[in-house]
C-alpha cells in the first residue's frame, strides 16, 4: 500500500480544526486503500509532553522520507511548505487533492 504523508496548516487558524482536517483526510485515504501518515496527531503528544516546534518539524521530515507521496491540504503554513519543498527535493510527488492522488 502507498504511504501518504499529509501536510497542512497547524499553528495558523484553529489547531483543533487543523488536526481534524488531517484526520478526515486520513480516513478518506484509508477508505481508498492508502496508508496515511498523520503528522498532526503529535498535537496530542504535545499537550502532554510539550516540545519545541523544531523537534516536531525534524520528526515530520524524517517520516516524510519513507512516504510515497504527500497530500498537501489547503491553507497557509510555513511548516507544510517546508515539508512539500523537502518532498520535491527527494523526488516525492506532492498532490493537492485526493482525486489527483488517485492517478499515482
C-alpha atoms as a PDB file:
ATOM      1  CA  UNK A   1       0.000   0.000   0.000  1.00  0.00           C
ATOM      2  CA  UNK A   2       1.197   3.503  -0.789  1.00  0.00           C
ATOM      3  CA  UNK A   3       2.218   5.603   2.220  1.00  0.00           C
ATOM      4  CA  UNK A   4       0.866   9.155   2.060  1.00  0.00           C
ATOM      5  CA  UNK A   5       2.232  11.982   4.201  1.00  0.00           C
ATOM      6  CA  UNK A   6      -0.484  14.536   4.977  1.00  0.00           C
ATOM      7  CA  UNK A   7       0.822  18.105   5.033  1.00  0.00           C
ATOM      8  CA  UNK A   8      -1.304  21.009   6.227  1.00  0.00           C
ATOM      9  CA  UNK A   9      -1.510  24.065   8.477  1.00  0.00           C
ATOM     10  CA  UNK A  10      -1.305  23.599  12.211  1.00  0.00           C
ATOM     11  CA  UNK A  11      -0.482  26.839  14.011  1.00  0.00           C
ATOM     12  CA  UNK A  12      -2.378  29.220  11.709  1.00  0.00           C
ATOM     13  CA  UNK A  13      -6.099  29.081  12.408  1.00  0.00           C
ATOM     14  CA  UNK A  14      -7.833  26.764  14.856  1.00  0.00           C
ATOM     15  CA  UNK A  15      -5.420  23.968  15.770  1.00  0.00           C
ATOM     16  CA  UNK A  16      -8.275  21.615  16.626  1.00  0.00           C
ATOM     17  CA  UNK A  17      -9.868  22.120  13.217  1.00  0.00           C
ATOM     18  CA  UNK A  18      -6.490  21.692  11.533  1.00  0.00           C
ATOM     19  CA  UNK A  19      -5.941  18.371  13.334  1.00  0.00           C
ATOM     20  CA  UNK A  20      -9.467  17.300  12.404  1.00  0.00           C
ATOM     21  CA  UNK A  21      -8.827  18.099   8.732  1.00  0.00           C
ATOM     22  CA  UNK A  22      -5.803  15.785   8.674  1.00  0.00           C
ATOM     23  CA  UNK A  23      -7.710  13.005  10.420  1.00  0.00           C
ATOM     24  CA  UNK A  24     -10.597  13.368   7.977  1.00  0.00           C
ATOM     25  CA  UNK A  25      -8.213  13.225   5.004  1.00  0.00           C
ATOM     26  CA  UNK A  26      -6.522  10.171   6.533  1.00  0.00           C
ATOM     27  CA  UNK A  27      -9.853   8.417   6.885  1.00  0.00           C
ATOM     28  CA  UNK A  28     -10.663   9.078   3.225  1.00  0.00           C
ATOM     29  CA  UNK A  29      -7.219   7.834   2.198  1.00  0.00           C
ATOM     30  CA  UNK A  30      -7.669   4.639   4.212  1.00  0.00           C
ATOM     31  CA  UNK A  31     -11.051   4.047   2.535  1.00  0.00           C
ATOM     32  CA  UNK A  32      -9.202   4.260  -0.797  1.00  0.00           C
ATOM     33  CA  UNK A  33      -6.546   1.736   0.219  1.00  0.00           C
ATOM     34  CA  UNK A  34      -3.695   4.098   1.137  1.00  0.00           C
ATOM     35  CA  UNK A  35      -1.677   4.140   4.367  1.00  0.00           C
ATOM     36  CA  UNK A  36      -1.718   7.735   5.639  1.00  0.00           C
ATOM     37  CA  UNK A  37       0.805   9.320   7.970  1.00  0.00           C
ATOM     38  CA  UNK A  38      -0.905  11.960  10.131  1.00  0.00           C
ATOM     39  CA  UNK A  39       1.764  14.338  11.463  1.00  0.00           C
ATOM     40  CA  UNK A  40      -0.726  16.431  13.414  1.00  0.00           C
ATOM     41  CA  UNK A  41      -1.518  13.539  15.741  1.00  0.00           C
ATOM     42  CA  UNK A  42       1.578  14.859  17.519  1.00  0.00           C
ATOM     43  CA  UNK A  43      -0.808  17.582  18.745  1.00  0.00           C
ATOM     44  CA  UNK A  44      -1.974  15.173  21.437  1.00  0.00           C
ATOM     45  CA  UNK A  45       1.550  14.209  22.490  1.00  0.00           C
ATOM     46  CA  UNK A  46       2.460  17.902  22.621  1.00  0.00           C
ATOM     47  CA  UNK A  47      -0.400  18.561  25.051  1.00  0.00           C
ATOM     48  CA  UNK A  48       1.038  16.005  27.485  1.00  0.00           C
ATOM     49  CA  UNK A  49       4.752  16.454  26.716  1.00  0.00           C
ATOM     50  CA  UNK A  50       5.387  19.838  25.072  1.00  0.00           C
ATOM     51  CA  UNK A  51       8.429  20.010  22.829  1.00  0.00           C
ATOM     52  CA  UNK A  52       9.970  22.817  20.774  1.00  0.00           C
ATOM     53  CA  UNK A  53       8.477  23.431  17.327  1.00  0.00           C
ATOM     54  CA  UNK A  54      11.749  22.416  15.668  1.00  0.00           C
ATOM     55  CA  UNK A  55      11.541  18.945  17.247  1.00  0.00           C
ATOM     56  CA  UNK A  56       8.202  18.335  15.560  1.00  0.00           C
ATOM     57  CA  UNK A  57       9.437  19.596  12.187  1.00  0.00           C
ATOM     58  CA  UNK A  58      12.519  17.363  12.334  1.00  0.00           C
ATOM     59  CA  UNK A  59      10.379  14.365  13.294  1.00  0.00           C
ATOM     60  CA  UNK A  60       7.960  15.026  10.429  1.00  0.00           C
ATOM     61  CA  UNK A  61      10.753  15.397   7.885  1.00  0.00           C
ATOM     62  CA  UNK A  62      12.189  12.017   8.918  1.00  0.00           C
ATOM     63  CA  UNK A  63       8.829  10.322   8.348  1.00  0.00           C
ATOM     64  CA  UNK A  64       8.383  12.174   5.071  1.00  0.00           C
ATOM     65  CA  UNK A  65      11.438  10.411   3.637  1.00  0.00           C
ATOM     66  CA  UNK A  66       9.747   6.985   3.804  1.00  0.00           C
ATOM     67  CA  UNK A  67       6.474   8.088   2.207  1.00  0.00           C
ATOM     68  CA  UNK A  68       5.500   7.559  -1.421  1.00  0.00           C
ATOM     69  CA  UNK A  69       3.662  10.870  -1.817  1.00  0.00           C
ATOM     70  CA  UNK A  70       2.487  13.981   0.013  1.00  0.00           C
ATOM     71  CA  UNK A  71      -1.094  15.205   0.175  1.00  0.00           C
ATOM     72  CA  UNK A  72      -0.969  18.975   0.765  1.00  0.00           C
ATOM     73  CA  UNK A  73      -4.191  20.267   2.284  1.00  0.00           C
ATOM     74  CA  UNK A  74      -5.185  23.911   1.716  1.00  0.00           C
ATOM     75  CA  UNK A  75      -4.084  26.761   3.919  1.00  0.00           C
ATOM     76  CA  UNK A  76      -1.126  28.957   4.712  1.00  0.00           C
ATOM     77  CA  UNK A  77       1.655  27.133   6.548  1.00  0.00           C
ATOM     78  CA  UNK A  78       5.415  27.616   6.649  1.00  0.00           C
ATOM     79  CA  UNK A  79       5.835  24.094   8.051  1.00  0.00           C
ATOM     80  CA  UNK A  80       3.711  22.468   5.345  1.00  0.00           C
ATOM     81  CA  UNK A  81       5.515  24.492   2.682  1.00  0.00           C
ATOM     82  CA  UNK A  82       8.839  23.254   4.088  1.00  0.00           C
ATOM     83  CA  UNK A  83       7.579  19.649   4.011  1.00  0.00           C
ATOM     84  CA  UNK A  84       6.497  19.984   0.389  1.00  0.00           C
ATOM     85  CA  UNK A  85       9.797  21.583  -0.616  1.00  0.00           C
ATOM     86  CA  UNK A  86      11.677  18.711   1.030  1.00  0.00           C
ATOM     87  CA  UNK A  87       9.461  16.144  -0.684  1.00  0.00           C
ATOM     88  CA  UNK A  88      10.211  17.687  -4.072  1.00  0.00           C
ATOM     89  CA  UNK A  89      13.959  17.648  -3.306  1.00  0.00           C
ATOM     90  CA  UNK A  90      13.636  13.922  -2.567  1.00  0.00           C
ATOM     91  CA  UNK A  91      11.618  13.266  -5.729  1.00  0.00           C
ATOM     92  CA  UNK A  92       8.458  12.516  -3.754  1.00  0.00           C
ATOM     93  CA  UNK A  93       5.370  13.783  -5.600  1.00  0.00           C
ATOM     94  CA  UNK A  94       3.120  16.351  -3.946  1.00  0.00           C
ATOM     95  CA  UNK A  95      -0.614  16.233  -4.628  1.00  0.00           C
ATOM     96  CA  UNK A  96      -3.103  18.954  -3.782  1.00  0.00           C
ATOM     97  CA  UNK A  97      -6.264  16.832  -3.764  1.00  0.00           C
ATOM     98  CA  UNK A  98      -7.206  13.250  -3.069  1.00  0.00           C
ATOM     99  CA  UNK A  99      -8.662  12.967  -6.589  1.00  0.00           C
ATOM    100  CA  UNK A 100      -5.285  13.885  -8.112  1.00  0.00           C
ATOM    101  CA  UNK A 101      -3.548  11.433  -5.793  1.00  0.00           C
ATOM    102  CA  UNK A 102      -5.662   8.618  -7.258  1.00  0.00           C
ATOM    103  CA  UNK A 103      -3.711   8.972 -10.507  1.00  0.00           C
ATOM    104  CA  UNK A 104      -0.432   7.823  -8.930  1.00  0.00           C
END
